[in-house]
Amino acid sequence: MNKNKINWVAVLTMMFLFGMISFVTNLAAPIGVIWKQAPGIDGSSFWGMMGNMMNFLAYLFMGIPAGKLITNYGYKKTTLIGVGVGFCGVLVQYLSGKIGVGATLAGLPANFFVYLLGAFICGFSVCILNTVVNPMLNLLGGGGNRGNQLVQIGGSFNSLMGTLTPMLVGALIGAVTAETQIADVNTVLYMAMGVFAATFCVLIFVPFVEPEQDKSNASVKSLFQYRHLVYGVIAIFLYVGVEVGIPGTLNFFLADSEKGAGLDPSTAASIAGSVAAMYWLLMLCGRFVSSFISGRVSSKMQLGVTSAVAIVLVLLAMFTADVDIKMPVLKGFTEGFAMMTLPLSALFLVLCGLCTSVMWGTIFNLSVEGLGKQSALASGLFMTMVVGGGVLPLVQNAIADAASYMVSYWVVVAALAYILWFAVFGSKVKNA
């Protein structure tokens, strides 16, 4: 591919899909606040995070097949499949507000299992779409720093939707009680279904020049000869857990008026969603800045610096939960923005968004260096390990139930320490 000639129609399409991925994925944590208070779940952070877990669990099953879809059918057909599956997943989540309401199954709300099925189906969708956009943007940019630059620009759209989603859902929820239902956020689900349907129709007519594919019978096993790729796959598993776990657990911490931050129950959910949105907003800012500097600053340098700073911020957050600070938050649609007294730890965790903003693109870029046409197959392997976004937050919130929210962030510190090691040592290109 000519590095000087870029298909901007394809680039813009991939960036829009990047935003959709975040919109669907970030529904899980704020909606989890509703399920957490449902009768039978009774405030368990572990079960409240289960929707997020189901969303990411789909990556474990679909990651490698998604890479094969690209190889066999090309990027456009694979994208259409992903969008269609996404519509079905959101539809099932909507139906969880209609089917099994009031009934119980194994001591839990019966419609909770319908919701989990919908989250699992949505996970298949975002896995497919993630598998498309990352290698596509990297290839459209010609690889190297220019490829990473396009991935970071696309990540800015991803962060924009990540910012709006928890804020919108939190404002719609308002006061969370045992009577609050998922049907209270149907507006967001209608929007998601509408976006998927419109995107499917538009994509049919978008001219799309397919990049050359590796038609050999190369297997995923052949990728393990690249030691830096193996280390990068582990880093992606941990990174996605960090990216999701920091704001997801922060959302639960602030929304929990009893074991958490002790905020007013009538506005805690809205405030929590607003603060979590600030994390994603800073991710947007970080990716936007990185899109300008990635052509000059290496991926290794960006990843090393940001992972080190993130470790410091999380450690500061863990020991400042009892110190208060004023922060601007959205209390609700009627109340608007106001300065609220929140734990200082919330500010430190929000600032982590600046650090995590560049990690996905830099880890991916460092890991696939030298793979050439096998990048799509490697992306499928990466997508499998995105299951870390479900596993680590689940472990973190199990610890939060057993100990405290702040103690659970030791999981994040350990994951960031490995990412720092990968940036400094593990990313060196070397065959096993």
Protein backbone atom coordinates (compact mmCIF):
# COMPACT_ATOMS: atom_id res chain seq x y z
CA MET A 1 0.00 0.00 0.00
CA ASN A 2 1.23 3.44 -0.84
CA LYS A 3 1.90 5.18 2.45
CA ASN A 4 1.39 8.59 0.87
CA LYS A 5 -2.11 7.88 -0.44
CA ILE A 6 -4.83 7.31 2.14
CA ASN A 7 -8.41 6.21 1.52
CA TRP A 8 -10.13 8.83 3.68
CA VAL A 9 -13.62 7.40 3.10
CA ALA A 10 -12.45 4.15 4.65
CA VAL A 11 -10.64 6.02 7.43
CA LEU A 12 -13.74 8.04 8.40
CA THR A 13 -15.91 4.92 8.33
CA MET A 14 -13.51 3.12 10.68
CA MET A 15 -13.41 6.09 13.04
CA PHE A 16 -17.20 6.24 13.23
CA LEU A 17 -17.26 2.55 14.10
CA PHE A 18 -14.68 3.23 16.81
CA GLY A 19 -17.24 5.55 18.43
CA MET A 20 -20.00 2.93 18.21
CA ILE A 21 -17.81 0.38 19.97
CA SER A 22 -17.42 2.68 22.96
CA PHE A 23 -21.11 3.62 23.02
CA VAL A 24 -22.23 0.00 23.36
CA THR A 25 -19.42 -1.09 25.70
CA ASN A 26 -19.88 1.80 28.12
CA LEU A 27 -23.55 1.07 28.67
CA ALA A 28 -22.59 -1.82 30.98
CA ALA A 29 -21.19 0.02 34.03
CA PRO A 30 -23.94 2.68 34.49
CA ILE A 31 -26.70 0.13 33.79
CA GLY A 32 -24.95 -2.13 36.29
CA VAL A 33 -25.78 0.49 38.95
CA ILE A 34 -29.47 -0.33 38.33
CA TRP A 35 -29.03 -4.11 38.53
CA LYS A 36 -26.83 -3.79 41.60
CA GLN A 37 -29.80 -2.50 43.64
CA ALA A 38 -32.34 -5.02 42.30
CA PRO A 39 -33.98 -7.44 44.77
CA GLY A 40 -31.88 -10.60 44.93
CA ILE A 41 -28.67 -8.81 43.96
CA ASP A 42 -28.90 -6.52 46.99
CA GLY A 43 -25.97 -4.18 46.42
CA SER A 44 -23.37 -6.71 45.24
CA SER A 45 -20.71 -4.98 43.13
CA PHE A 46 -19.71 -8.40 41.77
CA TRP A 47 -23.15 -9.03 40.24
CA GLY A 48 -23.49 -5.39 39.24
CA MET A 49 -20.35 -5.80 37.11
CA MET A 50 -21.57 -9.07 35.56
CA GLY A 51 -23.10 -7.32 32.52
CA ASN A 52 -19.69 -5.86 31.77
CA MET A 53 -18.19 -9.33 32.21
CA MET A 54 -20.62 -10.90 29.73
CA ASN A 55 -19.89 -8.15 27.22
CA PHE A 56 -16.18 -8.85 27.34
CA LEU A 57 -16.53 -12.64 27.71
CA ALA A 58 -17.74 -12.72 24.11
CA TYR A 59 -14.25 -11.65 23.01
CA LEU A 60 -12.85 -14.94 24.31
CA PHE A 61 -15.05 -16.88 21.87
CA MET A 62 -15.15 -14.45 18.96
CA GLY A 63 -11.68 -12.89 18.86
CA ILE A 64 -9.93 -15.38 16.59
CA PRO A 65 -13.03 -16.16 14.44
CA ALA A 66 -13.41 -12.41 13.89
CA GLY A 67 -9.90 -12.26 12.45
CA LYS A 68 -10.79 -15.21 10.20
CA LEU A 69 -13.91 -13.37 9.01
CA ILE A 70 -11.72 -10.53 7.73
CA THR A 71 -9.38 -12.96 6.01
CA ASN A 72 -12.21 -14.88 4.31
CA TYR A 73 -14.80 -12.18 3.60
CA GLY A 74 -12.97 -8.86 3.74
CA TYR A 75 -13.44 -5.80 5.92
CA LYS A 76 -16.76 -4.53 4.55
CA LYS A 77 -18.75 -7.76 4.88
CA THR A 78 -17.24 -8.38 8.31
CA THR A 79 -18.27 -4.88 9.39
CA LEU A 80 -21.86 -5.42 8.20
CA ILE A 81 -22.02 -8.67 10.18
CA GLY A 82 -20.77 -6.89 13.30
CA VAL A 83 -23.29 -4.05 12.98
CA GLY A 84 -26.18 -6.49 12.46
CA VAL A 85 -25.22 -8.52 15.52
CA GLY A 86 -24.97 -5.32 17.55
CA PHE A 87 -28.54 -4.35 16.71
CA CYS A 88 -29.75 -7.77 17.90
CA GLY A 89 -27.77 -7.48 21.14
CA VAL A 90 -29.21 -4.09 22.08
CA LEU A 91 -32.70 -5.36 21.17
CA VAL A 92 -32.33 -8.24 23.64
CA GLN A 93 -31.20 -5.80 26.35
CA TYR A 94 -34.31 -3.74 25.65
CA LEU A 95 -36.46 -6.89 25.95
CA SER A 96 -35.00 -7.52 29.42
CA GLY A 97 -37.27 -4.70 30.55
CA LYS A 98 -40.27 -6.64 29.18
CA ILE A 99 -39.52 -10.34 29.73
CA GLY A 100 -39.37 -11.96 33.17
CA VAL A 101 -39.97 -8.75 35.11
CA GLY A 102 -40.90 -9.60 38.71
CA ALA A 103 -39.93 -13.28 38.41
CA THR A 104 -36.85 -14.88 39.96
CA LEU A 105 -34.40 -17.54 38.78
CA ALA A 106 -31.79 -19.04 41.12
CA GLY A 107 -32.55 -16.25 43.57
CA LEU A 108 -31.81 -13.50 41.03
CA PRO A 109 -34.23 -11.44 38.89
CA ALA A 110 -35.22 -13.54 35.86
CA ASN A 111 -34.97 -10.58 33.48
CA PHE A 112 -31.37 -10.06 34.67
CA PHE A 113 -30.43 -13.18 32.71
CA VAL A 114 -32.14 -11.78 29.61
CA TYR A 115 -30.04 -8.65 30.00
CA LEU A 116 -26.85 -10.71 30.38
CA LEU A 117 -27.69 -12.54 27.14
CA GLY A 118 -28.08 -9.18 25.39
CA ALA A 119 -24.76 -7.96 26.81
CA PHE A 120 -23.10 -11.17 25.59
CA ILE A 121 -24.49 -10.71 22.07
CA CYS A 122 -23.33 -7.07 22.05
CA GLY A 123 -19.91 -8.36 23.02
CA PHE A 124 -19.80 -10.39 19.81
CA SER A 125 -20.60 -7.24 17.87
CA VAL A 126 -18.00 -4.96 19.42
CA CYS A 127 -15.41 -7.73 19.16
CA ILE A 128 -16.00 -8.02 15.41
CA LEU A 129 -15.94 -4.24 14.96
CA ASN A 130 -12.80 -3.87 17.08
CA THR A 131 -11.12 -6.53 14.98
CA VAL A 132 -11.96 -4.51 11.88
CA VAL A 133 -11.02 -0.98 12.90
CA ASN A 134 -7.60 -1.54 14.50
CA PRO A 135 -5.72 -3.34 11.72
CA MET A 136 -7.64 -1.35 9.10
CA LEU A 137 -6.54 2.02 10.50
CA ASN A 138 -3.01 0.74 11.04
CA LEU A 139 -2.83 -0.52 7.43
CA LEU A 140 -4.46 2.61 5.99
CA GLY A 141 -1.74 4.65 7.68
CA GLY A 142 0.98 2.40 6.29
CA GLY A 143 1.96 1.01 9.71
CA GLY A 144 4.62 2.49 11.98
CA ASN A 145 4.05 5.86 13.66
CA ARG A 146 1.60 6.99 10.94
CA GLY A 147 -0.52 3.88 11.51
CA ASN A 148 -0.50 4.53 15.26
CA GLN A 149 -1.48 8.14 14.56
CA LEU A 150 -4.68 7.06 12.77
CA VAL A 151 -5.48 4.57 15.54
CA GLN A 152 -5.16 7.40 18.08
CA ILE A 153 -7.41 9.73 16.06
CA GLY A 154 -10.00 6.97 15.85
CA GLY A 155 -9.60 6.48 19.57
CA SER A 156 -10.66 10.10 20.07
CA PHE A 157 -14.08 9.31 18.61
CA ASN A 158 -14.17 6.23 20.81
CA SER A 159 -13.53 8.37 23.89
CA LEU A 160 -16.14 10.95 22.87
CA MET A 161 -18.88 8.31 22.97
CA GLY A 162 -17.36 6.90 26.15
CA THR A 163 -17.75 10.35 27.69
CA LEU A 164 -21.37 10.85 26.67
CA THR A 165 -22.70 7.37 27.49
CA PRO A 166 -22.22 7.17 31.31
CA MET A 167 -23.22 10.81 31.68
CA LEU A 168 -26.44 10.29 29.71
CA VAL A 169 -27.35 7.02 31.43
CA GLY A 170 -26.54 8.41 34.88
CA ALA A 171 -28.75 11.45 34.29
CA LEU A 172 -31.61 9.22 33.07
CA ILE A 173 -31.38 6.93 36.10
CA GLY A 174 -31.59 9.67 38.73
CA ALA A 175 -32.19 8.21 42.19
CA VAL A 176 -31.51 4.47 42.24
CA THR A 177 -33.80 2.32 44.40
CA ALA A 178 -34.88 -1.32 44.41
CA GLU A 179 -37.77 -0.26 42.14
CA THR A 180 -35.55 1.26 39.44
CA GLN A 181 -35.75 -0.77 36.21
CA ILE A 182 -33.67 -1.02 33.04
CA ALA A 183 -36.75 0.30 31.22
CA ASP A 184 -35.88 3.69 32.76
CA VAL A 185 -33.01 4.00 30.28
CA ASN A 186 -34.90 2.81 27.20
CA THR A 187 -34.07 6.13 25.50
CA VAL A 188 -30.41 5.14 25.32
CA LEU A 189 -31.27 1.68 23.99
CA TYR A 190 -33.51 3.23 21.30
CA MET A 191 -30.60 5.45 20.28
CA ALA A 192 -28.23 2.49 20.07
CA MET A 193 -30.61 0.45 17.91
CA GLY A 194 -31.21 3.44 15.66
CA VAL A 195 -27.48 4.06 15.19
CA PHE A 196 -26.84 0.42 14.33
CA ALA A 197 -29.70 0.32 11.83
CA ALA A 198 -28.63 3.58 10.15
CA THR A 199 -24.99 2.50 10.02
CA PHE A 200 -25.90 -0.81 8.39
CA CYS A 201 -27.81 1.00 5.65
CA VAL A 202 -25.03 3.55 5.05
CA LEU A 203 -22.25 0.96 4.94
CA ILE A 204 -23.94 -0.92 2.12
CA PHE A 205 -23.36 2.06 -0.17
CA VAL A 206 -19.95 3.22 1.10
CA PRO A 207 -17.22 2.56 -1.52
CA PHE A 208 -14.60 0.44 0.15
CA VAL A 209 -11.21 -0.54 -1.22
CA GLU A 210 -10.17 -3.76 0.50
CA PRO A 211 -6.51 -4.04 1.52
CA GLU A 212 -4.60 -7.11 0.42
CA GLN A 213 -5.21 -10.08 2.70
CA ASP A 214 -2.93 -12.92 3.71
CA LYS A 215 -4.60 -15.88 1.95
CA SER A 216 -2.13 -18.43 3.26
CA ASN A 217 -3.12 -21.11 5.72
CA ALA A 218 -1.23 -19.41 8.53
CA SER A 219 -2.60 -20.39 11.92
CA VAL A 220 -2.76 -18.46 15.16
CA LYS A 221 -0.13 -20.85 16.49
CA SER A 222 2.35 -19.46 13.96
CA LEU A 223 2.07 -16.03 15.59
CA PHE A 224 3.66 -17.28 18.80
CA GLN A 225 7.07 -17.24 17.13
CA TYR A 226 6.98 -13.46 17.73
CA ARG A 227 7.91 -13.05 21.36
CA HIS A 228 7.04 -9.35 21.46
CA LEU A 229 3.55 -10.22 20.19
CA VAL A 230 3.05 -12.75 22.99
CA TYR A 231 4.04 -10.17 25.61
CA GLY A 232 1.79 -7.63 23.89
CA VAL A 233 -1.20 -9.96 24.02
CA ILE A 234 -0.78 -10.24 27.79
CA ALA A 235 -0.42 -6.45 28.00
CA ILE A 236 -3.69 -5.98 26.10
CA PHE A 237 -5.49 -8.39 28.47
CA LEU A 238 -4.32 -6.35 31.45
CA TYR A 239 -4.73 -2.95 29.79
CA VAL A 240 -8.40 -3.41 28.90
CA GLY A 241 -9.04 -4.53 32.47
CA VAL A 242 -7.37 -1.34 33.68
CA GLU A 243 -9.21 0.89 31.22
CA VAL A 244 -12.61 -0.52 32.22
CA GLY A 245 -11.90 -1.20 35.88
CA ILE A 246 -10.77 2.31 36.84
CA PRO A 247 -13.97 4.20 35.83
CA GLY A 248 -16.32 1.23 36.35
CA THR A 249 -15.33 0.69 39.97
CA LEU A 250 -15.19 4.47 40.50
CA ASN A 251 -18.79 4.65 39.25
CA PHE A 252 -19.85 2.01 41.81
CA PHE A 253 -17.83 3.68 44.58
CA LEU A 254 -19.50 7.06 44.08
CA ALA A 255 -22.99 5.62 43.52
CA ASP A 256 -22.79 3.51 46.70
CA SER A 257 -24.05 5.74 49.51
CA GLU A 258 -23.46 3.12 52.20
CA LYS A 259 -20.08 1.44 51.57
CA GLY A 260 -18.78 3.95 49.03
CA ALA A 261 -18.38 7.72 48.98
CA GLY A 262 -21.46 8.40 51.12
CA LEU A 263 -23.13 10.78 48.65
CA ASP A 264 -26.81 11.75 48.71
CA PRO A 265 -28.71 8.67 47.38
CA SER A 266 -31.06 10.89 45.35
CA THR A 267 -28.23 12.19 43.15
CA ALA A 268 -25.41 9.68 43.69
CA ALA A 269 -26.00 7.75 40.44
CA SER A 270 -26.06 10.92 38.33
CA ILE A 271 -22.93 12.25 40.00
CA ALA A 272 -21.15 8.91 39.60
CA GLY A 273 -21.99 8.79 35.89
CA SER A 274 -20.82 12.36 35.42
CA VAL A 275 -17.48 11.75 37.14
CA ALA A 276 -16.92 8.53 35.18
CA ALA A 277 -17.63 10.53 32.04
CA MET A 278 -14.78 12.90 32.95
CA TYR A 279 -12.40 9.93 32.81
CA TRP A 280 -13.52 9.15 29.25
CA LEU A 281 -13.37 12.87 28.37
CA LEU A 282 -9.72 12.97 29.44
CA MET A 283 -9.13 9.84 27.36
CA LEU A 284 -10.50 11.78 24.41
CA CYS A 285 -8.14 14.68 25.16
CA GLY A 286 -5.17 12.36 25.53
CA ARG A 287 -5.87 10.55 22.26
CA PHE A 288 -6.41 13.84 20.47
CA VAL A 289 -3.03 15.13 21.64
CA SER A 290 -1.38 11.80 20.86
CA SER A 291 -2.74 11.91 17.32
CA PHE A 292 -0.54 14.99 16.73
CA ILE A 293 2.60 13.80 18.49
CA SER A 294 2.59 10.10 17.52
CA GLY A 295 4.31 10.91 14.24
CA ARG A 296 7.31 12.19 16.22
CA VAL A 297 7.18 10.49 19.64
CA SER A 298 7.64 6.72 19.60
CA SER A 299 4.99 4.30 20.84
CA LYS A 300 7.53 2.88 23.32
CA MET A 301 8.13 6.28 24.89
CA GLN A 302 4.42 7.10 25.13
CA LEU A 303 3.53 3.77 26.73
CA GLY A 304 6.42 3.84 29.19
CA VAL A 305 5.71 7.35 30.47
CA THR A 306 1.93 6.99 30.72
CA SER A 307 2.02 3.62 32.52
CA ALA A 308 4.48 4.98 35.11
CA VAL A 309 2.38 8.10 35.73
CA ALA A 310 -0.81 6.00 35.97
CA ILE A 311 0.76 3.85 38.72
CA VAL A 312 1.50 6.99 40.75
CA LEU A 313 -2.04 8.37 40.26
CA VAL A 314 -3.75 5.13 41.32
CA LEU A 315 -1.56 4.84 44.42
CA LEU A 316 -2.41 8.43 45.36
CA ALA A 317 -6.11 7.70 44.87
CA MET A 318 -6.00 4.65 47.14
CA PHE A 319 -4.76 6.71 50.09
CA THR A 320 -6.82 9.90 49.64
CA ALA A 321 -10.40 8.53 49.77
CA ASP A 322 -10.97 10.39 53.07
CA VAL A 323 -9.82 13.76 51.70
CA ASP A 324 -12.49 15.95 50.07
CA ILE A 325 -12.30 18.23 47.02
CA LYS A 326 -14.77 20.28 44.95
CA MET A 327 -15.43 19.02 41.41
CA PRO A 328 -17.90 20.12 38.69
CA VAL A 329 -20.47 17.38 38.02
CA LEU A 330 -23.80 16.91 36.25
CA LYS A 331 -26.39 16.32 38.99
CA GLY A 332 -29.21 15.63 36.51
CA PHE A 333 -31.10 17.02 33.54
CA THR A 334 -33.09 19.42 35.75
CA GLU A 335 -30.34 20.36 38.23
CA GLY A 336 -27.61 20.85 35.62
CA PHE A 337 -23.93 21.23 36.51
CA ALA A 338 -22.80 22.14 40.02
CA MET A 339 -19.69 22.06 42.20
CA MET A 340 -19.91 19.03 44.49
CA THR A 341 -17.77 17.79 47.36
CA LEU A 342 -16.18 14.48 46.35
CA PRO A 343 -13.28 12.33 47.56
CA LEU A 344 -9.88 13.49 46.24
CA SER A 345 -9.33 9.92 45.05
CA ALA A 346 -11.99 10.50 42.38
CA LEU A 347 -9.86 13.27 40.84
CA PHE A 348 -6.73 11.09 40.73
CA LEU A 349 -8.63 8.21 39.12
CA VAL A 350 -10.22 10.53 36.57
CA LEU A 351 -6.76 11.84 35.64
CA CYS A 352 -5.76 8.27 34.79
CA GLY A 353 -7.83 8.72 31.63
CA LEU A 354 -5.02 10.84 30.20
CA CYS A 355 -2.64 7.91 30.68
CA THR A 356 -4.83 5.06 29.47
CA SER A 357 -5.82 7.08 26.40
CA VAL A 358 -2.72 6.11 24.44
CA MET A 359 -2.17 2.59 25.75
CA TRP A 360 -4.36 0.62 23.36
CA GLY A 361 -2.87 2.10 20.21
CA THR A 362 0.71 1.95 21.46
CA ILE A 363 0.48 -1.65 22.70
CA PHE A 364 -1.15 -2.74 19.45
CA ASN A 365 1.38 -0.84 17.36
CA LEU A 366 4.38 -2.25 19.24
CA SER A 367 2.99 -5.79 19.21
CA VAL A 368 2.26 -6.11 15.48
CA GLU A 369 5.50 -4.49 14.36
CA GLY A 370 7.00 -6.69 11.66
CA LEU A 371 3.93 -8.91 11.19
CA GLY A 372 2.85 -7.40 7.83
CA LYS A 373 -0.10 -9.28 6.27
CA GLN A 374 -0.56 -11.33 9.41
CA SER A 375 -1.76 -8.23 11.28
CA ALA A 376 -5.45 -9.16 10.79
CA LEU A 377 -4.88 -12.63 12.23
CA ALA A 378 -2.92 -11.11 15.12
CA SER A 379 -5.79 -8.68 15.72
CA GLY A 380 -8.09 -11.65 16.23
CA LEU A 381 -5.72 -12.95 18.92
CA PHE A 382 -5.74 -9.50 20.49
CA MET A 383 -9.53 -9.47 20.50
CA THR A 384 -9.60 -12.75 22.40
CA MET A 385 -7.53 -11.20 25.17
CA VAL A 386 -9.85 -8.21 25.44
CA VAL A 387 -11.78 -10.52 27.77
CA GLY A 388 -9.52 -8.95 30.38
CA GLY A 389 -11.94 -6.02 30.36
CA GLY A 390 -14.47 -8.36 31.97
CA VAL A 391 -12.18 -10.47 34.14
CA LEU A 392 -10.13 -7.81 35.93
CA PRO A 393 -13.08 -5.53 36.86
CA LEU A 394 -14.97 -8.61 38.11
CA VAL A 395 -12.01 -9.61 40.30
CA GLN A 396 -11.62 -6.01 41.40
CA ASN A 397 -15.25 -5.73 42.50
CA ALA A 398 -15.17 -9.11 44.25
CA ILE A 399 -12.33 -7.62 46.31
CA ALA A 400 -14.42 -4.46 46.79
CA ASP A 401 -17.25 -6.57 48.24
CA ALA A 402 -14.84 -8.42 50.55
CA ALA A 403 -12.66 -5.47 51.60
CA SER A 404 -13.22 -1.99 50.15
CA TYR A 405 -13.34 -0.17 46.84
CA MET A 406 -9.94 1.45 47.28
CA VAL A 407 -8.21 -1.81 48.28
CA SER A 408 -9.49 -3.33 45.01
CA TYR A 409 -7.29 -0.91 43.04
CA TRP A 410 -4.21 -2.99 43.88
CA VAL A 411 -5.36 -5.12 40.94
CA VAL A 412 -4.96 -2.08 38.71
CA VAL A 413 -1.52 -1.23 40.09
CA ALA A 414 -0.24 -4.75 39.40
CA ALA A 415 -1.57 -4.67 35.82
CA LEU A 416 0.01 -1.26 35.15
CA ALA A 417 3.35 -2.53 36.46
CA TYR A 418 3.36 -5.26 33.80
CA ILE A 419 2.45 -2.77 31.06
CA LEU A 420 5.39 -0.60 32.13
CA TRP A 421 7.67 -3.66 31.85
CA PHE A 422 6.30 -4.40 28.38
CA ALA A 423 7.00 -0.85 27.24
CA VAL A 424 10.60 -0.88 28.47
CA PHE A 425 11.67 -4.47 27.82
CA GLY A 426 8.97 -6.77 26.42
CA SER A 427 8.22 -4.82 23.24
CA LYS A 428 11.63 -5.41 21.66
CA VAL A 429 11.04 -7.15 18.31
CA LYS A 430 12.47 -10.65 18.61
CA ASN A 431 11.40 -14.10 17.40
CA ALA A 432 10.99 -16.77 20.07
